[in-house]
Amino acid sequence: MLLVNDVYVTDTLRDGRGGLARVAGLRDSIERANDDKVLFVLAGDVLSPSVLGKWYGGAQMVDGFNAARLDLATLGNHEFDGSRTNLVTRLRESRFTWLSANCGEASGASFPGVRGWDTLRLGGVKVGILGTTVVRDYAPYVSCRNPDSATTATVDTLLGQGSELVVALTHRFMRDDVITLEREPRISAILGGHDHDGRRIERGGRLLVKAVSNSRTAILVTFARDGASPWRVTDRRFDIGPGMRDDPATMAVVQRWRDTLTQRIGPDRVLGIAPEPINAIDSISKRESPFGNMIADAMRIGTNADVALINSGALRFDDIMPAGPITRHMIEGIFLFADETRVVTFPVSGARLRELLEVSVGVDGLGNGPYLQLSGVRFHFDATRPSGARVVGDLLRDDGRPIGAREALQLSIVTYPACRRGDGYRIPEAADVCRALEAAPSSRPRTADLMLQHLERMNGRIVPPPIGRVTRLDRR
């Protein structure tokens, strides 16, 4: 089985890595070398987000994976970013099988074409494969049940169907996948997604693996046994990059979808020159980064606020901007959830700001989408302390003056956490401005536009600010 996960673009990335055509070519070469079929699987997150996905709703991704002859995919959380109509359209266009044993329609029925499990005969062995999806606060048309109970019931079904090998294709947090692997010994391997940085653990000869996002890596998992002996599971990581063979059919589809951005938003233009590469990779920016600091500065300065915050999950460029020209199209590619990255500004107290920062560095925030990139405030935290009590000492302004608990501050923050309770944030202070935004959806600035203005104020030389706004005490 060949695994990729969290793939938002079919093309190669700006640093030369990735590329769906290369992965398809790799699969073909492995099949030729072994004279046997390789099952090509995707562990969720493909329809969104991307620049093309803003306008095509993931049609370009389904087209690419159809050409690459994907066999199976599990539903990821970003499959539900759009409308039900968009999702069902993409499912019907897919020539591969979608799986999710725990997420379906609000009615409790499965989405059209989506199954909880599938069985295939590979190498003379009946293989059972189940899919599960992370539970989130999804749109009303989505209903998800507990993935662990769904897993147990589905494994029972697969064994009852005569499966000799059971594999889970999941889109869940690593910690949840580890628990499943430990609690369900009947699963020989979990091929997972949702974590973007590549993960691997073994438990009693059984395996949990995840690839690096956007096809930067692909993981080949091989199952073997002698007679009735337990399955031996081995894996090999392939770095996808220059020099690899492209599958011609997949590359033809990739090329058809290129250069459509100009048709949608107009010609590109240079905003300035970066003297050094700017690291904007998603998995890196889930902690303080120069890139995140620059975006937060653009928000604060552009709205004349005291403090600006943006959740890291809103930053989706997931690539490295090379030294040289930084263009408008690059900036549009950062903010892929247009309505969720408009900026609202309203007053909060210093005490409430501290509570928001606690969410950022809590157990579910640190290293994940809720983690806040910030401007206008500095603080220390200790991750060994309980969530909700990790911020240590005073909150400080950039000049070192403390921010009092009762002090009123003008806060700028994007709408996903402020108005939609996204990433676990609850901000009642934003209620009035959110209602005003709902009545006039274009009345608040896009973060992308604030960023464009900020870069143009740099007078041609684009240099992100250094880190140092957030200090982690337990790593000193």
Protein backbone atom coordinates (compact mmCIF):
# COMPACT_ATOMS: atom_id res chain seq x y z
CA MET A 1 0.00 0.00 0.00
CA LEU A 2 1.29 3.45 -0.94
CA LEU A 3 0.11 6.29 1.34
CA VAL A 4 -0.19 10.05 0.91
CA ASN A 5 -2.24 12.38 3.10
CA ASP A 6 -3.29 16.02 3.35
CA VAL A 7 -2.67 16.82 -0.31
CA TYR A 8 -4.00 20.23 -1.33
CA VAL A 9 -2.23 20.72 -4.67
CA THR A 10 -1.44 18.31 -7.46
CA ASP A 11 1.49 20.37 -8.78
CA THR A 12 5.02 20.48 -7.44
CA LEU A 13 5.73 22.99 -4.68
CA ARG A 14 7.92 26.08 -5.09
CA ASP A 15 10.84 24.32 -3.42
CA GLY A 16 10.68 21.57 -6.05
CA ARG A 17 9.28 18.91 -3.73
CA GLY A 18 6.04 16.97 -4.03
CA GLY A 19 3.97 16.48 -7.14
CA LEU A 20 1.15 13.99 -7.64
CA ALA A 21 2.49 12.94 -11.04
CA ARG A 22 5.72 11.85 -9.35
CA VAL A 23 3.82 9.80 -6.75
CA ALA A 24 1.82 8.09 -9.51
CA GLY A 25 5.06 7.38 -11.37
CA LEU A 26 6.54 5.92 -8.18
CA ARG A 27 3.55 3.63 -7.73
CA ASP A 28 3.91 2.40 -11.32
CA SER A 29 7.63 1.70 -10.88
CA ILE A 30 7.02 -0.28 -7.67
CA GLU A 31 4.35 -2.34 -9.41
CA ARG A 32 6.69 -3.12 -12.30
CA ALA A 33 9.55 -4.03 -9.98
CA ASN A 34 7.41 -6.39 -7.90
CA ASP A 35 5.04 -7.61 -10.63
CA ASP A 36 2.18 -6.98 -8.23
CA LYS A 37 -0.46 -4.34 -7.59
CA VAL A 38 0.22 -1.49 -5.19
CA LEU A 39 -2.90 -0.17 -3.48
CA PHE A 40 -2.72 3.65 -3.68
CA VAL A 41 -4.47 5.29 -0.69
CA LEU A 42 -5.13 8.83 0.55
CA ALA A 43 -5.72 9.47 4.26
CA GLY A 44 -7.99 12.49 3.89
CA ASP A 45 -7.94 16.25 3.20
CA VAL A 46 -7.87 16.83 -0.53
CA LEU A 47 -10.85 18.96 -1.63
CA SER A 48 -9.78 22.04 0.34
CA PRO A 49 -7.99 24.34 0.95
CA SER A 50 -6.03 25.67 -2.00
CA VAL A 51 -6.03 28.70 -4.27
CA LEU A 52 -7.71 26.72 -7.04
CA GLY A 53 -10.05 25.18 -4.49
CA LYS A 54 -11.45 28.66 -3.72
CA TRP A 55 -13.15 28.60 -7.11
CA TYR A 56 -13.31 24.97 -8.19
CA GLY A 57 -14.27 23.29 -4.92
CA GLY A 58 -11.69 20.52 -5.24
CA ALA A 59 -12.62 19.49 -8.78
CA GLN A 60 -8.97 19.87 -9.78
CA MET A 61 -7.90 17.46 -7.02
CA VAL A 62 -10.42 14.75 -7.90
CA ASP A 63 -9.40 15.11 -11.55
CA GLY A 64 -5.75 14.64 -10.61
CA PHE A 65 -6.29 11.65 -8.33
CA ASN A 66 -8.54 10.03 -10.91
CA ALA A 67 -5.71 10.30 -13.41
CA ALA A 68 -3.24 8.98 -10.82
CA ARG A 69 -5.50 5.93 -10.31
CA LEU A 70 -6.07 6.38 -6.61
CA ASP A 71 -7.80 3.35 -5.10
CA LEU A 72 -9.14 4.49 -1.72
CA ALA A 73 -9.51 7.72 0.25
CA THR A 74 -10.94 8.47 3.67
CA LEU A 75 -12.91 11.64 4.32
CA GLY A 76 -10.87 14.35 6.04
CA ASN A 77 -12.15 17.38 7.90
CA HIS A 78 -11.45 19.69 4.96
CA GLU A 79 -13.75 17.67 2.73
CA PHE A 80 -16.55 19.43 4.64
CA ASP A 81 -15.31 23.01 4.10
CA GLY A 82 -17.75 23.61 1.25
CA SER A 83 -21.44 22.98 0.79
CA ARG A 84 -23.11 19.58 0.75
CA THR A 85 -23.79 20.07 -2.95
CA ASN A 86 -20.09 20.60 -3.63
CA LEU A 87 -19.10 17.54 -1.60
CA VAL A 88 -21.63 15.26 -3.29
CA THR A 89 -20.54 16.53 -6.72
CA ARG A 90 -16.91 15.71 -5.95
CA LEU A 91 -17.84 12.27 -4.58
CA ARG A 92 -19.73 11.46 -7.77
CA GLU A 93 -16.82 12.61 -9.93
CA SER A 94 -14.40 10.31 -8.06
CA ARG A 95 -13.33 7.08 -9.76
CA PHE A 96 -11.90 5.87 -6.44
CA THR A 97 -13.70 4.68 -3.29
CA TRP A 98 -14.31 7.00 -0.35
CA LEU A 99 -14.44 5.62 3.20
CA SER A 100 -15.67 6.86 6.59
CA ALA A 101 -17.25 4.59 9.17
CA ASN A 102 -18.18 7.44 11.50
CA CYS A 103 -19.09 10.54 9.44
CA GLY A 104 -22.06 10.92 7.11
CA GLU A 105 -25.22 12.88 6.44
CA ALA A 106 -27.08 14.72 9.21
CA SER A 107 -29.80 12.10 8.77
CA GLY A 108 -27.36 9.37 9.77
CA ALA A 109 -27.10 7.96 6.24
CA SER A 110 -23.81 7.69 4.40
CA PHE A 111 -22.90 10.30 1.81
CA PRO A 112 -23.47 9.08 -1.75
CA GLY A 113 -20.68 6.71 -2.74
CA VAL A 114 -19.05 6.68 0.72
CA ARG A 115 -18.64 3.38 2.56
CA GLY A 116 -17.51 2.58 6.07
CA TRP A 117 -15.27 -0.22 4.85
CA ASP A 118 -14.21 -2.17 1.80
CA THR A 119 -12.62 -5.54 1.09
CA LEU A 120 -10.19 -6.35 -1.69
CA ARG A 121 -8.27 -9.44 -2.68
CA LEU A 122 -4.58 -8.60 -2.95
CA GLY A 123 -1.89 -11.21 -3.51
CA GLY A 124 -4.47 -13.91 -2.88
CA VAL A 125 -5.38 -12.44 0.54
CA LYS A 126 -8.74 -10.90 1.47
CA VAL A 127 -7.90 -7.50 2.94
CA GLY A 128 -10.37 -5.42 4.93
CA ILE A 129 -9.91 -1.65 5.02
CA LEU A 130 -11.90 0.74 7.18
CA GLY A 131 -11.94 4.52 7.28
CA THR A 132 -12.49 6.98 10.14
CA THR A 133 -12.59 10.76 10.33
CA VAL A 134 -11.74 13.25 13.07
CA VAL A 135 -14.80 14.66 14.86
CA ARG A 136 -15.08 18.44 14.62
CA ASP A 137 -17.73 21.18 14.71
CA TYR A 138 -18.77 20.65 11.11
CA ALA A 139 -21.48 22.26 9.00
CA PRO A 140 -25.04 21.18 9.88
CA TYR A 141 -25.22 18.76 6.94
CA VAL A 142 -22.50 16.57 8.56
CA SER A 143 -23.01 14.14 11.43
CA CYS A 144 -20.16 12.19 13.02
CA ARG A 145 -20.23 9.52 15.71
CA ASN A 146 -17.47 8.30 17.98
CA PRO A 147 -14.68 6.94 15.75
CA ASP A 148 -13.47 4.41 18.33
CA SER A 149 -16.81 2.66 18.67
CA ALA A 150 -17.17 2.79 14.87
CA THR A 151 -13.73 1.21 14.52
CA THR A 152 -14.54 -1.70 16.84
CA ALA A 153 -17.85 -2.42 15.10
CA THR A 154 -16.27 -2.21 11.65
CA VAL A 155 -13.40 -4.54 12.56
CA ASP A 156 -16.02 -7.04 13.77
CA THR A 157 -17.75 -6.76 10.40
CA LEU A 158 -14.55 -7.13 8.38
CA LEU A 159 -13.49 -10.24 10.28
CA GLY A 160 -17.01 -11.59 9.88
CA GLN A 161 -16.61 -11.06 6.13
CA GLY A 162 -13.52 -13.27 6.20
CA SER A 163 -10.82 -10.61 6.06
CA GLU A 164 -7.38 -12.07 6.78
CA LEU A 165 -5.73 -8.66 7.19
CA VAL A 166 -7.34 -5.49 8.60
CA VAL A 167 -5.95 -2.02 7.90
CA ALA A 168 -7.36 1.35 9.04
CA LEU A 169 -7.20 4.42 6.80
CA THR A 170 -7.73 7.32 9.19
CA HIS A 171 -7.82 11.10 9.31
CA ARG A 172 -7.41 11.80 13.02
CA PHE A 173 -4.95 13.32 15.47
CA MET A 174 -1.83 11.25 16.15
CA ARG A 175 -2.71 10.79 19.82
CA ASP A 176 -6.08 9.28 18.87
CA ASP A 177 -4.54 6.97 16.29
CA VAL A 178 -2.02 5.76 18.89
CA ILE A 179 -4.85 4.91 21.30
CA THR A 180 -6.67 2.99 18.56
CA LEU A 181 -3.55 1.02 17.67
CA GLU A 182 -3.01 0.10 21.31
CA ARG A 183 -6.64 -0.81 22.03
CA GLU A 184 -7.46 -2.68 18.82
CA PRO A 185 -4.90 -5.46 18.29
CA ARG A 186 -6.87 -6.84 15.35
CA ILE A 187 -5.71 -3.91 13.20
CA SER A 188 -2.29 -4.66 11.67
CA ALA A 189 -1.59 -1.08 10.56
CA ILE A 190 -3.03 2.42 10.61
CA LEU A 191 -2.28 4.57 7.56
CA GLY A 192 -3.15 8.03 8.78
CA GLY A 193 -3.44 11.70 7.99
CA HIS A 194 -4.37 15.04 9.65
CA ASP A 195 -0.84 15.53 11.06
CA HIS A 196 1.22 17.14 8.32
CA ASP A 197 4.78 16.48 9.40
CA GLY A 198 5.13 12.71 8.95
CA ARG A 199 4.76 10.36 11.92
CA ARG A 200 5.67 6.75 12.71
CA ILE A 201 5.35 4.43 15.69
CA GLU A 202 5.24 0.66 16.23
CA ARG A 203 3.31 -1.28 18.82
CA GLY A 204 3.90 -5.04 19.09
CA GLY A 205 4.92 -5.40 15.46
CA ARG A 206 1.98 -3.30 14.26
CA LEU A 207 2.50 0.05 12.55
CA LEU A 208 1.12 3.60 12.50
CA VAL A 209 2.48 5.87 9.75
CA LYS A 210 1.65 9.26 8.27
CA ALA A 211 3.32 10.97 5.32
CA VAL A 212 4.39 14.62 5.07
CA SER A 213 1.69 16.83 3.57
CA ASN A 214 1.34 17.81 -0.07
CA SER A 215 3.07 14.65 -1.31
CA ARG A 216 6.44 15.71 0.08
CA THR A 217 6.75 12.07 1.08
CA ALA A 218 4.91 8.86 0.28
CA ILE A 219 5.01 5.78 2.52
CA LEU A 220 5.10 2.26 1.11
CA VAL A 221 3.71 -0.25 3.62
CA THR A 222 4.26 -3.96 2.94
CA PHE A 223 2.53 -6.89 4.66
CA ALA A 224 3.99 -10.40 4.63
CA ARG A 225 3.54 -13.65 6.52
CA ASP A 226 4.54 -17.31 6.46
CA GLY A 227 1.57 -19.61 6.66
CA ALA A 228 -0.55 -18.84 9.72
CA SER A 229 2.12 -16.73 11.42
CA PRO A 230 1.33 -13.10 12.37
CA TRP A 231 1.68 -10.43 9.70
CA ARG A 232 5.07 -8.74 9.39
CA VAL A 233 4.57 -5.06 8.59
CA THR A 234 7.40 -3.03 7.09
CA ASP A 235 7.49 0.48 5.68
CA ARG A 236 9.68 2.63 3.49
CA ARG A 237 9.57 6.41 3.15
CA PHE A 238 10.08 7.98 -0.27
CA ASP A 239 11.01 11.66 -0.53
CA ILE A 240 9.16 13.04 -3.53
CA GLY A 241 11.26 15.54 -5.46
CA PRO A 242 13.28 16.46 -8.55
CA GLY A 243 14.66 13.67 -10.71
CA MET A 244 11.67 11.38 -10.26
CA ARG A 245 9.65 10.17 -13.21
CA ASP A 246 6.26 11.83 -13.83
CA ASP A 247 3.26 9.72 -14.75
CA PRO A 248 2.23 11.22 -18.13
CA ALA A 249 -1.54 10.94 -17.62
CA THR A 250 -1.40 12.64 -14.24
CA MET A 251 0.95 15.35 -15.47
CA ALA A 252 -1.41 16.14 -18.35
CA VAL A 253 -4.18 16.85 -15.83
CA VAL A 254 -1.87 18.96 -13.65
CA GLN A 255 -0.93 21.08 -16.64
CA ARG A 256 -4.57 21.66 -17.58
CA TRP A 257 -5.25 23.23 -14.20
CA ARG A 258 -2.19 25.51 -14.21
CA ASP A 259 -2.34 29.26 -14.75
CA THR A 260 -6.04 29.64 -14.00
CA LEU A 261 -5.46 32.11 -11.15
CA THR A 262 -4.82 34.99 -13.55
CA GLN A 263 -8.19 34.36 -15.18
CA ARG A 264 -9.87 34.70 -11.77
CA ILE A 265 -8.14 37.59 -9.97
CA GLY A 266 -6.17 39.32 -12.68
CA PRO A 267 -2.48 39.43 -13.56
CA ASP A 268 0.19 38.87 -10.97
CA ARG A 269 2.41 41.74 -9.79
CA VAL A 270 5.56 42.00 -7.72
CA LEU A 271 5.16 43.51 -4.25
CA GLY A 272 8.82 43.49 -3.29
CA ILE A 273 11.96 41.39 -3.07
CA ALA A 274 12.76 38.96 -0.27
CA PRO A 275 16.55 38.87 0.24
CA GLU A 276 16.24 35.42 1.91
CA PRO A 277 13.73 32.56 1.61
CA ILE A 278 10.60 32.91 3.76
CA ASN A 279 9.52 29.68 5.41
CA ALA A 280 5.73 29.54 5.23
CA ILE A 281 5.25 25.80 5.65
CA ASP A 282 2.06 25.01 7.54
CA SER A 283 3.56 22.53 10.01
CA ILE A 284 6.35 25.02 10.86
CA SER A 285 4.02 27.99 11.36
CA LYS A 286 2.06 26.25 14.14
CA ARG A 287 4.50 27.86 16.51
CA GLU A 288 5.81 31.40 16.51
CA SER A 289 7.44 32.17 13.18
CA PRO A 290 8.74 35.26 11.38
CA PHE A 291 6.14 34.61 8.69
CA GLY A 292 3.30 34.55 11.24
CA ASN A 293 4.64 37.65 12.97
CA MET A 294 4.63 39.53 9.68
CA ILE A 295 0.99 38.65 9.02
CA ALA A 296 -0.08 39.64 12.54
CA ASP A 297 1.80 42.95 12.18
CA ALA A 298 -0.05 43.61 8.93
CA MET A 299 -3.37 43.07 10.71
CA ARG A 300 -2.52 45.26 13.70
CA ILE A 301 -1.06 48.13 11.70
CA GLY A 302 -3.77 47.94 9.04
CA THR A 303 -6.59 48.20 11.58
CA ASN A 304 -4.81 50.50 14.08
CA ALA A 305 -5.42 47.95 16.84
CA ASP A 306 -3.44 47.39 20.03
CA VAL A 307 -3.17 43.62 19.50
CA ALA A 308 -3.74 41.35 16.51
CA LEU A 309 -4.22 37.57 16.50
CA ILE A 310 -4.63 34.97 13.76
CA ASN A 311 -4.98 31.22 14.22
CA SER A 312 -2.21 29.27 12.50
CA GLY A 313 -4.75 27.00 10.82
CA ALA A 314 -5.78 29.98 8.69
CA LEU A 315 -2.33 30.13 7.07
CA ARG A 316 -2.33 27.57 4.30
CA PHE A 317 0.54 28.42 1.93
CA ASP A 318 2.44 25.33 3.14
CA ASP A 319 5.52 26.10 1.08
CA ILE A 320 8.71 28.14 1.07
CA MET A 321 8.78 31.50 -0.67
CA PRO A 322 12.18 31.57 -2.33
CA ALA A 323 14.46 34.57 -2.15
CA GLY A 324 13.45 36.99 -4.85
CA PRO A 325 10.16 38.52 -5.97
CA ILE A 326 7.13 38.16 -3.69
CA THR A 327 3.96 38.49 -5.73
CA ARG A 328 0.28 39.14 -5.25
CA HIS A 329 -0.62 35.59 -6.23
CA MET A 330 1.67 34.21 -3.52
CA ILE A 331 -0.16 36.26 -0.88
CA GLU A 332 -3.57 35.16 -2.17
CA GLY A 333 -2.30 31.60 -1.78
CA ILE A 334 -1.81 32.09 1.97
CA PHE A 335 -5.42 32.92 2.84
CA LEU A 336 -7.55 30.22 1.31
CA PHE A 337 -10.61 30.63 3.52
CA ALA A 338 -11.65 34.03 2.30
CA ASP A 339 -14.68 34.55 4.55
CA GLU A 340 -12.90 33.17 7.61
CA THR A 341 -9.92 35.50 7.33
CA ARG A 342 -11.69 38.82 7.27
CA VAL A 343 -10.60 40.88 10.24
CA VAL A 344 -12.90 42.17 12.97
CA THR A 345 -11.82 44.67 15.63
CA PHE A 346 -13.44 45.17 19.04
CA PRO A 347 -12.47 45.89 22.68
CA VAL A 348 -11.36 43.22 25.16
CA SER A 349 -9.81 43.37 28.60
CA GLY A 350 -6.28 42.30 29.39
CA ALA A 351 -7.71 39.38 31.38
CA ARG A 352 -9.72 38.15 28.38
CA LEU A 353 -6.69 38.47 26.12
CA ARG A 354 -4.82 36.23 28.55
CA GLU A 355 -7.62 33.64 28.33
CA LEU A 356 -7.34 33.60 24.53
CA LEU A 357 -3.60 33.07 24.77
CA GLU A 358 -4.23 30.15 27.15
CA VAL A 359 -6.29 28.46 24.42
CA SER A 360 -3.42 29.06 22.00
CA VAL A 361 -0.84 27.27 24.15
CA GLY A 362 -3.19 24.67 25.67
CA VAL A 363 -2.92 20.97 24.94
CA ASP A 364 -5.16 21.25 21.87
CA GLY A 365 -3.66 24.53 20.66
CA LEU A 366 0.09 24.16 20.93
CA GLY A 367 1.47 22.86 17.64
CA ASN A 368 -1.97 22.80 16.04
CA GLY A 369 -4.36 25.08 14.15
CA PRO A 370 -5.60 27.04 17.22
CA TYR A 371 -2.07 28.30 17.96
CA LEU A 372 -2.09 32.09 17.56
CA GLN A 373 0.34 34.20 15.58
CA LEU A 374 0.32 37.58 17.30
CA SER A 375 1.36 41.21 17.25
CA GLY A 376 1.35 43.83 20.00
CA VAL A 377 1.72 41.43 22.92
CA ARG A 378 4.49 39.26 24.35
CA PHE A 379 4.27 36.52 26.97
CA HIS A 380 5.90 33.48 28.57
CA PHE A 381 4.33 30.04 29.00
CA ASP A 382 5.17 26.68 30.53
CA ALA A 383 3.73 23.64 28.70
CA THR A 384 4.30 21.38 31.72
CA ARG A 385 1.52 23.23 33.53
CA PRO A 386 -2.18 22.33 33.04
CA SER A 387 -4.07 23.81 30.10
CA GLY A 388 -5.67 27.08 31.15
CA ALA A 389 -2.80 27.92 33.50
CA ARG A 390 0.22 27.88 31.22
CA VAL A 391 0.77 31.61 30.69
CA VAL A 392 3.35 32.76 33.25
CA GLY A 393 3.79 36.32 34.49
CA ASP A 394 2.47 39.51 32.96
CA LEU A 395 1.42 40.05 29.39
CA LEU A 396 3.73 42.69 27.94
CA ARG A 397 3.58 45.29 25.22
CA ASP A 398 6.38 45.43 22.67
CA ASP A 399 8.08 48.13 24.76
CA GLY A 400 8.01 45.92 27.87
CA ARG A 401 5.18 47.65 29.73
CA PRO A 402 2.73 45.21 31.36
CA ILE A 403 -0.86 44.89 30.20
CA GLY A 404 -3.23 45.12 33.17
CA ALA A 405 -6.04 42.62 33.65
CA ARG A 406 -8.69 45.39 33.55
CA GLU A 407 -7.08 47.39 30.79
CA ALA A 408 -9.17 47.89 27.65
CA LEU A 409 -7.49 46.91 24.38
CA GLN A 410 -8.56 47.07 20.76
CA LEU A 411 -8.18 43.53 19.43
CA SER A 412 -8.09 42.56 15.75
CA ILE A 413 -8.68 38.89 14.99
CA VAL A 414 -9.95 36.88 12.04
CA THR A 415 -13.57 35.79 11.88
CA TYR A 416 -13.11 32.02 12.19
CA PRO A 417 -12.27 32.11 15.91
CA ALA A 418 -14.09 35.40 16.56
CA CYS A 419 -17.44 34.77 14.85
CA ARG A 420 -17.63 31.03 14.22
CA ARG A 421 -16.18 29.69 17.46
CA GLY A 422 -13.50 28.06 15.36
CA ASP A 423 -10.57 26.14 16.87
CA GLY A 424 -12.22 26.11 20.28
CA TYR A 425 -12.36 29.89 20.83
CA ARG A 426 -15.34 31.52 22.53
CA ILE A 427 -15.29 35.32 22.15
CA PRO A 428 -18.62 36.89 23.15
CA GLU A 429 -17.06 40.37 22.96
CA ALA A 430 -17.11 39.97 19.15
CA ALA A 431 -20.87 39.38 18.93
CA ASP A 432 -21.87 42.87 17.79
CA VAL A 433 -19.17 43.26 15.16
CA CYS A 434 -19.85 39.72 13.90
CA ARG A 435 -23.55 40.52 13.45
CA ALA A 436 -22.59 43.64 11.53
CA LEU A 437 -20.28 41.57 9.31
CA GLU A 438 -23.04 39.05 8.64
CA ALA A 439 -25.31 41.87 7.48
CA ALA A 440 -22.56 43.34 5.25
CA PRO A 441 -20.09 40.51 4.41
CA SER A 442 -17.56 42.74 2.66
CA SER A 443 -17.56 45.46 5.33
CA ARG A 444 -14.43 44.22 7.10
CA PRO A 445 -10.99 43.97 5.48
CA ARG A 446 -9.52 40.74 4.17
CA THR A 447 -6.28 39.71 5.83
CA ALA A 448 -4.88 39.23 2.32
CA ASP A 449 -5.50 42.91 1.51
CA LEU A 450 -3.95 44.08 4.79
CA MET A 451 -0.94 41.91 4.00
CA LEU A 452 -0.61 43.37 0.49
CA GLN A 453 -0.68 46.89 1.91
CA HIS A 454 1.87 45.97 4.59
CA LEU A 455 4.34 44.51 2.09
CA GLU A 456 4.03 47.55 -0.16
CA ARG A 457 4.91 49.77 2.84
CA MET A 458 8.24 47.92 3.08
CA ASN A 459 9.44 49.85 0.02
CA GLY A 460 10.57 46.90 -2.03
CA ARG A 461 12.56 44.91 0.56
CA ILE A 462 10.46 42.26 2.29
CA VAL A 463 11.97 41.03 5.57
CA PRO A 464 9.80 39.33 8.21
CA PRO A 465 10.29 40.41 11.85
CA PRO A 466 12.27 38.10 14.14
CA ILE A 467 10.70 35.75 16.65
CA GLY A 468 10.76 36.38 20.40
CA ARG A 469 7.18 37.40 21.14
CA VAL A 470 6.40 34.04 22.75
CA THR A 471 8.84 32.41 25.17
CA ARG A 472 8.46 28.76 26.11
CA LEU A 473 9.95 28.31 29.56
CA ASP A 474 9.97 24.50 29.77
CA ARG A 475 12.44 24.20 26.89
CA ARG A 476 15.12 26.47 28.30
